[in-house]
Amino acid sequence: MILFLLNGCAFALVGAGIGAACRASDVNYEKVELETKEEYGKYRLEMQQNNIEPILTYEEWLKNQIEDPKKAERWSKVLKKVEKNR
């Protein structure tokens, strides 16, 4: 009986840990997504101010940005979600 209760507690703790990790992952994703959108906004503004055509779409711009190894790891999840939602 005690062993059963201990197993139940262990499952509850693992479940709580997984839930917390998922919430933290969602917050981190939202932060990265906001970062990409701010950078894209700066890019669009600069292109418009300098009358440079064509202006890349958000998805095209993201694809170009993730060629940079530093941004690839952080921004590739955002690109995957953008491509999935098309």
Foldseek 3Di string as FASTA:
>chain_A
DVVVVVVVVVVVVVVVVVVVVVVVVVVLLVVLLVVLVVVLVVQVVVCVVVVHDDRDDSLVVLVVVLVPVVVVVSSVVVSVVVVVVD
